[in-house]
Amino acid sequence: MAPAPHLAAYVEAERDRIVASLFDWLRIPSISAEPGRASEVAASASFCAGLLREAGFEHVERLETPGAPAVYGDWLHAGAGAPTVLIYGHHDVQPVDPVDLWTSPPFAPVIVDGECLARGAIDDKGQTLYQIEAARALRSEGSLTVNVKFLVEGEEEVGSPHFEDLLVRHRERLGCDVVVVSDTSMISPEIPSICVSMRGLVAFDVTVRTSTIDLHSGTWGGTVPNAAVVAARLVASLHDASGRVTLPGFYDRVQPLGAGEQASLDAQPFDEAEFMAQAGVRALTGEAGRSPLERTGARPTAEVVGLTSGYGGVGIKTIVPACANFKVAFRLVADQRPDEVAQQFHTWLDTRVPPGVDVSVEAAGAVAPAATPVDHPAMASLVHAIETVWGTTPLFTREGGSGPEEALGRVLDAPVLFLGVGLPGDRIHAPNERMVMAQFWKGLLAAGELLIELGLR
């Protein structure tokens, strides 16, 4: 029989206290997207700082930004020759709309059938907390053999607009040998996995104008350009008949998966009917010749995330719309560059906008993709940690979301390891967000095992 994870006894002894801490943090409505919640986001940062102090970390402080504060703390007593691990998380959360779909108030956490329901339970307060608790346990018993730094951001849910500047400003203080991020998911409770790549993002808000005013469709229809039609044709032409993005050069930097990742992808179970049921759809679409798992993590995409024009009220208003708007978000895979895709998008637009139509484009965010090679030495430590807790070798996955991981790895010049325990049904960013508590406790155990393993490198 395999030995029990190092922190198993700690989890049993401290379970009630840890859950109470989780609930207290989840009660703070730290919604970074809502300006009126700035004081709550600041309160969440202060609460996080308190957790770090209670855990025995030093030099704990709020790091102020032009937006919401981040939190820093460290424990650097393992010695100059020991590895330094920076653990990243975020304490801000998504808005809760639509509130009427929640089965319990979003900031009144409850545990129902082993699931903690609350906004931020999995994304990302719960996952940040188990990292804090793992480091706390090892420090308190004198078995923490790596130097540990925590950096907990307050603006991840609004695109981390000030995060890279913060990293650059505090680069020396944040210096490390490896970054650990717990803000990702696993395939299932029975099939553990390690995310090795997060897609990047570049997005645009496009306004199309064909006239100074809306025009009577009987008087002017059939003779003047219609902004709604122009916008509809533009968004329809984003993809060709095979589902590929039509921007010039869009796929030039996209590399095939390596043998290890491809083997893991092929080994992943996939139930198409269940996948569609979770999404609430009756059909799948996308790039021809690519599986749904490839499309959602290993391939770049373009999605129209908003399209508006004309009259949308009750009944009908017979006009030729003068203005239309569409918003498009591109998810990028490793080696693609947001600035290059931005230029490709502008070039694409220039060739498709008909004469007499004015178009304005506003950038709506840009995040570069992040990837860690599966054969990196630090990855072996993470694999062993998960094997110890789950009792089986994890598969490697790529995730479709975007975050500040690329900036962490690039600015700090360190590999990024993803130790996330979310599950496909966790309803991230949706009503009834959850943390499956069995995953939480395993995450805590694995976080402890990873710090021990990294200390042996």
Protein backbone atom coordinates (compact mmCIF):
# COMPACT_ATOMS: atom_id res chain seq x y z
CA MET A 1 0.00 0.00 0.00
CA ALA A 2 1.29 3.45 -0.91
CA PRO A 3 2.09 5.75 2.02
CA ALA A 4 -0.49 8.39 2.93
CA PRO A 5 0.15 11.93 1.69
CA HIS A 6 2.31 13.91 4.06
CA LEU A 7 -0.43 16.31 5.19
CA ALA A 8 -3.23 13.75 5.64
CA ALA A 9 -3.24 14.10 9.45
CA TYR A 10 -3.17 17.89 9.19
CA VAL A 11 -6.26 17.91 6.99
CA GLU A 12 -8.20 15.78 9.45
CA ALA A 13 -7.17 17.90 12.43
CA GLU A 14 -7.75 21.30 10.81
CA ARG A 15 -10.74 20.57 8.57
CA ASP A 16 -13.34 22.63 10.45
CA ARG A 17 -11.06 25.67 10.85
CA ILE A 18 -10.11 25.61 7.17
CA VAL A 19 -13.75 25.44 6.04
CA ALA A 20 -14.58 28.36 8.34
CA SER A 21 -11.77 30.40 6.76
CA LEU A 22 -13.01 29.50 3.30
CA PHE A 23 -16.55 30.60 4.16
CA ASP A 24 -15.37 33.88 5.67
CA TRP A 25 -13.43 34.72 2.50
CA LEU A 26 -16.27 33.70 0.19
CA ARG A 27 -18.66 36.03 2.03
CA ILE A 28 -16.72 39.04 0.72
CA PRO A 29 -18.26 40.14 -2.65
CA SER A 30 -14.96 41.03 -4.33
CA ILE A 31 -16.33 41.62 -7.84
CA SER A 32 -13.57 43.49 -9.66
CA ALA A 33 -15.74 44.24 -12.72
CA GLU A 34 -18.11 46.44 -10.69
CA PRO A 35 -16.61 49.82 -9.69
CA GLY A 36 -19.04 50.07 -6.79
CA ARG A 37 -17.45 46.97 -5.25
CA ALA A 38 -13.94 48.47 -4.97
CA SER A 39 -14.14 48.56 -1.18
CA GLU A 40 -15.14 44.89 -1.07
CA VAL A 41 -12.25 43.94 -3.36
CA ALA A 42 -9.92 45.84 -1.03
CA ALA A 43 -11.49 44.05 1.95
CA SER A 44 -10.82 40.72 0.25
CA ALA A 45 -7.16 41.70 -0.20
CA SER A 46 -6.93 42.57 3.49
CA PHE A 47 -8.55 39.26 4.42
CA CYS A 48 -6.02 37.40 2.27
CA ALA A 49 -3.18 39.28 3.93
CA GLY A 50 -4.56 38.17 7.29
CA LEU A 51 -4.59 34.54 6.15
CA LEU A 52 -0.93 34.79 5.14
CA ARG A 53 0.07 36.36 8.47
CA GLU A 54 -1.80 33.67 10.40
CA ALA A 55 0.01 31.07 8.31
CA GLY A 56 3.36 32.44 9.48
CA PHE A 57 4.35 34.35 6.37
CA GLU A 58 6.42 37.50 6.60
CA HIS A 59 6.67 40.81 4.73
CA VAL A 60 2.93 40.56 4.11
CA GLU A 61 1.43 43.61 2.45
CA ARG A 62 -1.08 44.83 -0.06
CA LEU A 63 0.55 45.82 -3.33
CA GLU A 64 -1.45 48.74 -4.64
CA THR A 65 -2.15 49.23 -8.34
CA PRO A 66 -4.18 51.84 -10.25
CA GLY A 67 -6.99 49.29 -9.94
CA ALA A 68 -7.47 46.65 -7.26
CA PRO A 69 -4.73 45.61 -4.82
CA ALA A 70 -2.73 42.41 -4.95
CA VAL A 71 -1.31 40.72 -1.85
CA TYR A 72 2.25 39.57 -1.20
CA GLY A 73 3.81 37.46 1.56
CA ASP A 74 6.88 35.27 1.88
CA TRP A 75 8.77 32.75 3.99
CA LEU A 76 12.43 32.68 3.02
CA HIS A 77 14.08 30.59 5.74
CA ALA A 78 14.86 27.49 3.70
CA GLY A 79 18.19 29.01 2.81
CA ALA A 80 19.92 30.55 -0.17
CA GLY A 81 20.59 27.18 -1.78
CA ALA A 82 16.97 26.04 -1.65
CA PRO A 83 14.56 26.59 -4.55
CA THR A 84 12.16 29.50 -4.36
CA VAL A 85 8.53 28.85 -5.28
CA LEU A 86 6.13 31.67 -6.14
CA ILE A 87 2.48 30.67 -5.70
CA TYR A 88 -0.02 32.74 -7.69
CA GLY A 89 -3.76 33.06 -7.15
CA HIS A 90 -6.44 35.72 -7.41
CA HIS A 91 -8.97 36.96 -4.88
CA ASP A 92 -11.36 38.84 -7.17
CA VAL A 93 -14.47 37.13 -8.52
CA GLN A 94 -16.93 37.34 -11.39
CA PRO A 95 -20.30 39.17 -11.27
CA VAL A 96 -23.18 36.98 -10.10
CA ASP A 97 -25.90 37.76 -12.67
CA PRO A 98 -28.44 36.30 -13.18
CA VAL A 99 -29.03 36.16 -9.43
CA ASP A 100 -32.40 34.40 -9.72
CA LEU A 101 -30.68 31.26 -11.06
CA TRP A 102 -28.69 30.74 -7.86
CA THR A 103 -30.10 28.10 -5.51
CA SER A 104 -28.55 29.95 -2.55
CA PRO A 105 -27.21 33.52 -2.21
CA PRO A 106 -23.89 33.77 -4.09
CA PHE A 107 -22.05 35.26 -1.12
CA ALA A 108 -23.61 33.06 1.55
CA PRO A 109 -21.54 29.88 1.13
CA VAL A 110 -23.09 26.53 1.93
CA ILE A 111 -21.99 22.93 1.51
CA VAL A 112 -24.62 20.77 -0.15
CA ASP A 113 -23.91 17.13 -0.98
CA GLY A 114 -20.19 17.69 -0.62
CA GLU A 115 -20.14 20.80 -2.80
CA CYS A 116 -19.37 24.31 -1.56
CA LEU A 117 -21.66 26.69 -3.44
CA ALA A 118 -20.58 30.35 -3.65
CA ARG A 119 -19.07 32.82 -6.07
CA GLY A 120 -15.30 32.35 -5.90
CA ALA A 121 -15.47 28.85 -4.43
CA ILE A 122 -13.38 27.32 -7.22
CA ASP A 123 -12.33 30.49 -9.08
CA ASP A 124 -10.12 31.22 -7.24
CA LYS A 125 -10.42 31.71 -3.49
CA GLY A 126 -10.83 28.02 -2.73
CA GLN A 127 -7.82 27.00 -4.79
CA THR A 128 -5.69 29.80 -3.37
CA LEU A 129 -6.67 28.82 0.17
CA TYR A 130 -5.52 25.23 -0.14
CA GLN A 131 -2.13 26.49 -1.28
CA ILE A 132 -1.88 28.78 1.75
CA GLU A 133 -2.90 25.95 4.07
CA ALA A 134 -0.41 23.49 2.58
CA ALA A 135 2.46 25.94 3.05
CA ARG A 136 1.19 26.77 6.53
CA ALA A 137 1.17 23.11 7.54
CA LEU A 138 4.69 22.40 6.28
CA ARG A 139 6.08 25.57 7.85
CA SER A 140 4.48 24.88 11.23
CA GLU A 141 5.93 21.37 11.45
CA GLY A 142 9.36 22.44 10.25
CA SER A 143 9.32 20.49 6.99
CA LEU A 144 9.13 23.36 4.51
CA THR A 145 12.37 22.96 2.56
CA VAL A 146 11.75 25.58 -0.14
CA ASN A 147 11.44 29.33 0.05
CA VAL A 148 7.84 30.33 -0.64
CA LYS A 149 6.35 33.56 -1.94
CA PHE A 150 2.66 34.25 -2.45
CA LEU A 151 1.24 36.72 -4.96
CA VAL A 152 -2.56 36.96 -4.95
CA GLU A 153 -3.97 39.27 -7.60
CA GLY A 154 -7.11 41.42 -7.43
CA GLU A 155 -7.87 42.03 -11.13
CA GLU A 156 -7.67 38.65 -12.86
CA GLU A 157 -11.38 38.63 -13.68
CA VAL A 158 -11.07 41.90 -15.60
CA GLY A 159 -8.06 40.87 -17.66
CA SER A 160 -5.22 41.74 -15.24
CA PRO A 161 -4.77 45.23 -16.74
CA HIS A 162 -2.12 46.32 -14.23
CA PHE A 163 -0.56 42.97 -13.41
CA GLU A 164 2.41 42.96 -15.76
CA ASP A 165 3.42 46.42 -14.58
CA LEU A 166 3.24 45.11 -11.01
CA LEU A 167 5.46 42.15 -11.95
CA VAL A 168 8.03 44.40 -13.59
CA ARG A 169 7.99 46.86 -10.70
CA HIS A 170 8.55 44.10 -8.13
CA ARG A 171 10.57 41.71 -10.31
CA GLU A 172 13.49 41.40 -7.90
CA ARG A 173 11.23 40.84 -4.92
CA LEU A 174 9.18 38.23 -6.79
CA GLY A 175 12.19 36.38 -8.19
CA CYS A 176 11.76 32.60 -8.10
CA ASP A 177 12.78 29.29 -9.61
CA VAL A 178 9.26 28.08 -10.36
CA VAL A 179 5.74 29.53 -10.39
CA VAL A 180 2.77 27.46 -9.21
CA VAL A 181 -0.75 28.43 -10.31
CA SER A 182 -3.91 26.85 -8.92
CA ASP A 183 -6.60 28.24 -11.21
CA THR A 184 -7.21 25.37 -13.61
CA SER A 185 -9.15 22.12 -13.84
CA MET A 186 -8.89 18.34 -14.10
CA ILE A 187 -10.65 15.92 -16.40
CA SER A 188 -12.65 14.25 -13.62
CA PRO A 189 -12.31 13.20 -9.96
CA GLU A 190 -11.11 9.78 -11.10
CA ILE A 191 -8.85 11.00 -13.93
CA PRO A 192 -6.42 13.63 -12.64
CA SER A 193 -4.74 15.85 -15.17
CA ILE A 194 -2.24 18.67 -15.43
CA CYS A 195 -2.88 21.71 -17.56
CA VAL A 196 0.30 22.54 -19.47
CA SER A 197 -0.96 25.44 -21.56
CA MET A 198 -3.41 28.32 -21.33
CA ARG A 199 -4.61 30.04 -24.48
CA GLY A 200 -4.02 33.72 -25.01
CA LEU A 201 -6.68 36.28 -25.88
CA VAL A 202 -7.02 39.30 -28.10
CA ALA A 203 -10.40 41.00 -28.48
CA PHE A 204 -11.95 43.89 -30.38
CA ASP A 205 -15.04 46.08 -30.19
CA VAL A 206 -16.03 47.05 -33.76
CA THR A 207 -18.54 49.74 -34.74
CA VAL A 208 -19.89 49.96 -38.28
CA ARG A 209 -21.61 53.15 -39.48
CA THR A 210 -23.33 53.55 -42.84
CA SER A 211 -25.30 56.79 -42.31
CA THR A 212 -25.70 59.68 -39.90
CA ILE A 213 -29.23 58.53 -38.98
CA ASP A 214 -31.52 55.50 -39.24
CA LEU A 215 -33.51 55.72 -42.48
CA HIS A 216 -37.09 54.79 -43.41
CA SER A 217 -36.89 51.36 -45.02
CA GLY A 218 -39.68 52.14 -47.48
CA THR A 219 -38.10 55.37 -48.70
CA TRP A 220 -34.46 54.37 -48.62
CA GLY A 221 -34.39 50.58 -48.47
CA GLY A 222 -32.68 48.87 -51.38
CA THR A 223 -30.58 51.94 -52.23
CA VAL A 224 -28.41 52.63 -49.16
CA PRO A 225 -26.05 50.35 -47.21
CA ASN A 226 -27.54 48.65 -44.16
CA ALA A 227 -25.23 48.61 -41.13
CA ALA A 228 -26.81 45.45 -39.75
CA VAL A 229 -26.21 43.60 -43.03
CA VAL A 230 -22.62 44.85 -43.27
CA ALA A 231 -21.86 43.69 -39.72
CA ALA A 232 -23.57 40.34 -40.29
CA ARG A 233 -21.54 39.71 -43.44
CA LEU A 234 -18.32 40.63 -41.66
CA VAL A 235 -18.86 38.26 -38.75
CA ALA A 236 -20.06 35.50 -41.07
CA SER A 237 -16.82 35.77 -43.04
CA LEU A 238 -14.63 35.27 -39.97
CA HIS A 239 -14.65 31.54 -40.75
CA ASP A 240 -14.47 29.62 -44.00
CA ALA A 241 -16.58 26.60 -44.89
CA SER A 242 -14.20 24.34 -42.93
CA GLY A 243 -14.51 26.39 -39.76
CA ARG A 244 -11.04 27.89 -40.05
CA VAL A 245 -10.41 31.52 -39.13
CA THR A 246 -9.89 33.61 -42.26
CA LEU A 247 -7.44 36.20 -40.94
CA PRO A 248 -4.33 36.23 -43.15
CA GLY A 249 -1.48 34.37 -41.45
CA PHE A 250 -3.58 33.40 -38.44
CA TYR A 251 -2.25 29.83 -38.29
CA ASP A 252 1.35 30.53 -39.30
CA ARG A 253 2.74 30.19 -35.75
CA VAL A 254 0.50 27.32 -34.62
CA GLN A 255 2.59 24.23 -33.85
CA PRO A 256 1.40 20.60 -33.72
CA LEU A 257 1.24 18.89 -30.34
CA GLY A 258 4.31 16.99 -29.21
CA ALA A 259 4.15 13.23 -28.87
CA GLY A 260 3.57 13.30 -25.11
CA GLU A 261 0.71 15.77 -25.26
CA GLN A 262 -0.85 14.01 -28.23
CA ALA A 263 -0.79 10.71 -26.37
CA SER A 264 -2.45 12.33 -23.36
CA LEU A 265 -5.08 13.92 -25.60
CA ASP A 266 -5.82 10.59 -27.24
CA ALA A 267 -6.13 8.94 -23.83
CA GLN A 268 -8.69 11.41 -22.50
CA PRO A 269 -12.23 10.08 -22.30
CA PHE A 270 -14.79 12.17 -24.13
CA ASP A 271 -18.55 11.75 -24.11
CA GLU A 272 -19.96 13.93 -26.86
CA ALA A 273 -23.55 13.67 -25.63
CA GLU A 274 -22.54 14.68 -22.11
CA PHE A 275 -20.42 17.51 -23.47
CA MET A 276 -23.38 18.87 -25.44
CA ALA A 277 -25.71 18.45 -22.47
CA GLN A 278 -23.36 20.48 -20.24
CA ALA A 279 -23.29 23.22 -22.88
CA GLY A 280 -27.04 23.08 -23.50
CA VAL A 281 -26.58 22.61 -27.25
CA ARG A 282 -27.78 20.01 -29.76
CA ALA A 283 -24.86 20.10 -32.18
CA LEU A 284 -21.13 20.78 -32.25
CA THR A 285 -19.24 22.89 -34.74
CA GLY A 286 -15.74 24.18 -35.32
CA GLU A 287 -12.58 23.54 -37.29
CA ALA A 288 -12.98 20.53 -39.55
CA GLY A 289 -10.73 17.57 -38.85
CA ARG A 290 -10.18 18.57 -35.22
CA SER A 291 -11.79 16.88 -32.23
CA PRO A 292 -13.73 18.93 -29.65
CA LEU A 293 -10.88 18.47 -27.16
CA GLU A 294 -8.42 19.89 -29.68
CA ARG A 295 -10.72 22.80 -30.51
CA THR A 296 -11.16 23.80 -26.85
CA GLY A 297 -7.50 23.82 -25.87
CA ALA A 298 -4.98 23.09 -28.59
CA ARG A 299 -6.34 25.16 -31.48
CA PRO A 300 -6.89 28.92 -31.84
CA THR A 301 -10.42 30.23 -32.28
CA ALA A 302 -12.46 33.30 -33.14
CA GLU A 303 -15.82 33.87 -31.46
CA VAL A 304 -18.33 36.65 -31.99
CA VAL A 305 -19.28 37.53 -28.42
CA GLY A 306 -21.71 40.32 -29.24
CA LEU A 307 -23.72 41.58 -32.23
CA THR A 308 -26.19 44.45 -32.07
CA SER A 309 -27.94 46.74 -34.55
CA GLY A 310 -31.29 48.32 -35.34
CA TYR A 311 -34.47 47.98 -33.33
CA GLY A 312 -34.80 45.21 -30.74
CA GLY A 313 -37.98 46.18 -28.92
CA VAL A 314 -41.52 44.84 -29.11
CA GLY A 315 -42.95 44.61 -32.60
CA ILE A 316 -41.04 45.97 -35.55
CA LYS A 317 -39.60 49.32 -36.59
CA THR A 318 -39.14 49.68 -40.34
CA ILE A 319 -35.70 51.24 -40.62
CA VAL A 320 -32.41 50.80 -42.38
CA PRO A 321 -30.02 50.82 -39.37
CA ALA A 322 -27.28 53.41 -39.54
CA CYS A 323 -25.02 51.74 -36.99
CA ALA A 324 -24.05 48.22 -35.87
CA ASN A 325 -21.62 46.83 -33.37
CA PHE A 326 -19.91 43.50 -32.99
CA LYS A 327 -17.38 42.23 -30.52
CA VAL A 328 -14.97 39.43 -31.38
CA ALA A 329 -12.55 37.48 -29.17
CA PHE A 330 -9.68 35.39 -30.50
CA ARG A 331 -8.21 32.64 -28.32
CA LEU A 332 -4.55 32.06 -29.14
CA VAL A 333 -2.34 29.02 -28.65
CA ALA A 334 1.37 28.84 -27.84
CA ASP A 335 3.65 30.88 -30.12
CA GLN A 336 0.85 33.11 -31.44
CA ARG A 337 1.33 36.77 -30.58
CA PRO A 338 -1.51 39.15 -29.72
CA ASP A 339 0.09 42.10 -31.54
CA GLU A 340 0.46 40.08 -34.74
CA VAL A 341 -3.13 38.83 -34.57
CA ALA A 342 -4.28 42.41 -34.02
CA GLN A 343 -2.54 43.48 -37.21
CA GLN A 344 -4.00 40.48 -39.04
CA PHE A 345 -7.48 41.51 -37.89
CA HIS A 346 -7.07 45.09 -39.10
CA THR A 347 -5.78 43.85 -42.46
CA TRP A 348 -8.71 41.44 -42.70
CA LEU A 349 -11.20 44.25 -41.99
CA ASP A 350 -9.62 46.59 -44.52
CA THR A 351 -10.21 44.09 -47.33
CA ARG A 352 -13.84 43.39 -46.43
CA VAL A 353 -15.46 46.71 -45.53
CA PRO A 354 -17.50 47.94 -48.53
CA PRO A 355 -17.16 51.48 -49.91
CA GLY A 356 -19.04 54.21 -48.08
CA VAL A 357 -18.92 52.42 -44.72
CA ASP A 358 -17.00 53.78 -41.72
CA VAL A 359 -15.53 51.31 -39.24
CA SER A 360 -13.93 52.04 -35.88
CA VAL A 361 -12.07 49.40 -33.89
CA GLU A 362 -11.31 49.52 -30.19
CA ALA A 363 -8.94 46.98 -28.62
CA ALA A 364 -10.66 45.14 -25.79
CA GLY A 365 -7.82 43.25 -24.15
CA ALA A 366 -4.76 41.20 -25.03
CA VAL A 367 -3.14 38.30 -23.19
CA ALA A 368 -0.39 36.11 -24.62
CA PRO A 369 -0.68 32.30 -24.45
CA ALA A 370 1.32 30.34 -21.88
CA ALA A 371 2.84 26.86 -22.16
CA THR A 372 5.20 24.69 -20.11
CA PRO A 373 6.98 21.77 -21.80
CA VAL A 374 5.83 18.43 -20.44
CA ASP A 375 9.46 17.29 -20.17
CA HIS A 376 10.56 20.22 -17.99
CA PRO A 377 12.24 18.89 -14.81
CA ALA A 378 9.81 20.77 -12.55
CA MET A 379 6.92 19.02 -14.27
CA ALA A 380 8.17 15.69 -12.91
CA SER A 381 7.70 17.04 -9.38
CA LEU A 382 4.10 17.95 -10.10
CA VAL A 383 3.39 14.61 -11.73
CA HIS A 384 4.75 12.79 -8.67
CA ALA A 385 2.72 14.96 -6.29
CA ILE A 386 -0.52 14.17 -8.10
CA GLU A 387 0.34 10.47 -8.36
CA THR A 388 0.87 10.38 -4.60
CA VAL A 389 -2.57 11.87 -3.86
CA TRP A 390 -4.74 10.42 -6.64
CA GLY A 391 -2.95 7.11 -6.93
CA THR A 392 -2.64 7.29 -10.71
CA THR A 393 -0.51 9.08 -13.29
CA PRO A 394 -2.08 12.34 -14.50
CA LEU A 395 -2.74 13.14 -18.13
CA PHE A 396 -1.64 16.40 -19.76
CA THR A 397 -4.27 18.85 -21.00
CA ARG A 398 -4.50 22.30 -22.52
CA GLU A 399 -7.16 24.73 -21.33
CA GLY A 400 -9.02 27.29 -23.37
CA GLY A 401 -9.16 30.08 -20.82
CA SER A 402 -6.73 32.97 -20.59
CA GLY A 403 -4.92 34.61 -17.70
CA PRO A 404 -1.68 36.26 -16.59
CA GLU A 405 0.37 33.04 -16.62
CA GLU A 406 2.39 34.02 -19.68
CA ALA A 407 3.42 37.28 -18.04
CA LEU A 408 4.38 35.43 -14.85
CA GLY A 409 6.64 33.03 -16.70
CA ARG A 410 8.16 35.64 -19.00
CA VAL A 411 8.78 38.49 -16.56
CA LEU A 412 10.03 36.22 -13.76
CA ASP A 413 11.88 33.90 -16.18
CA ALA A 414 10.53 30.78 -14.50
CA PRO A 415 8.50 27.71 -15.53
CA VAL A 416 4.81 27.77 -14.64
CA LEU A 417 3.22 24.68 -13.08
CA PHE A 418 -0.56 24.38 -12.99
CA LEU A 419 -1.95 22.57 -9.95
CA GLY A 420 -5.68 23.07 -10.37
CA VAL A 421 -8.44 20.76 -9.15
CA GLY A 422 -11.54 22.25 -10.79
CA LEU A 423 -13.98 19.97 -12.57
CA PRO A 424 -15.96 20.42 -15.80
CA GLY A 425 -19.21 20.85 -13.88
CA ASP A 426 -18.01 23.57 -11.51
CA ARG A 427 -20.05 26.28 -13.28
CA ILE A 428 -17.18 28.75 -13.33
CA HIS A 429 -18.45 32.30 -14.10
CA ALA A 430 -22.05 30.99 -13.91
CA PRO A 431 -24.73 30.75 -11.20
CA ASN A 432 -24.14 28.09 -8.53
CA GLU A 433 -20.37 28.04 -8.88
CA ARG A 434 -19.04 25.19 -6.77
CA MET A 435 -15.98 23.63 -5.22
CA VAL A 436 -16.25 19.86 -4.82
CA MET A 437 -14.79 19.56 -1.34
CA ALA A 438 -13.19 16.17 -2.00
CA GLN A 439 -11.17 17.92 -4.72
CA PHE A 440 -10.32 20.77 -2.34
CA TRP A 441 -8.81 18.41 0.22
CA LYS A 442 -6.88 16.53 -2.44
CA GLY A 443 -5.65 19.86 -3.78
CA LEU A 444 -4.32 20.76 -0.34
CA LEU A 445 -2.56 17.40 -0.05
CA ALA A 446 -1.08 17.70 -3.54
CA ALA A 447 0.08 21.26 -2.89
CA GLY A 448 2.00 19.97 0.11
CA GLU A 449 3.48 17.09 -1.85
CA LEU A 450 4.59 19.46 -4.61
CA LEU A 451 6.45 21.73 -2.20
CA ILE A 452 8.17 18.68 -0.72
CA GLU A 453 9.09 17.39 -4.18
CA LEU A 454 10.42 20.75 -5.32
CA GLY A 455 12.61 20.82 -2.20
CA LEU A 456 14.26 17.60 -3.38
CA ARG A 457 15.26 19.01 -6.78
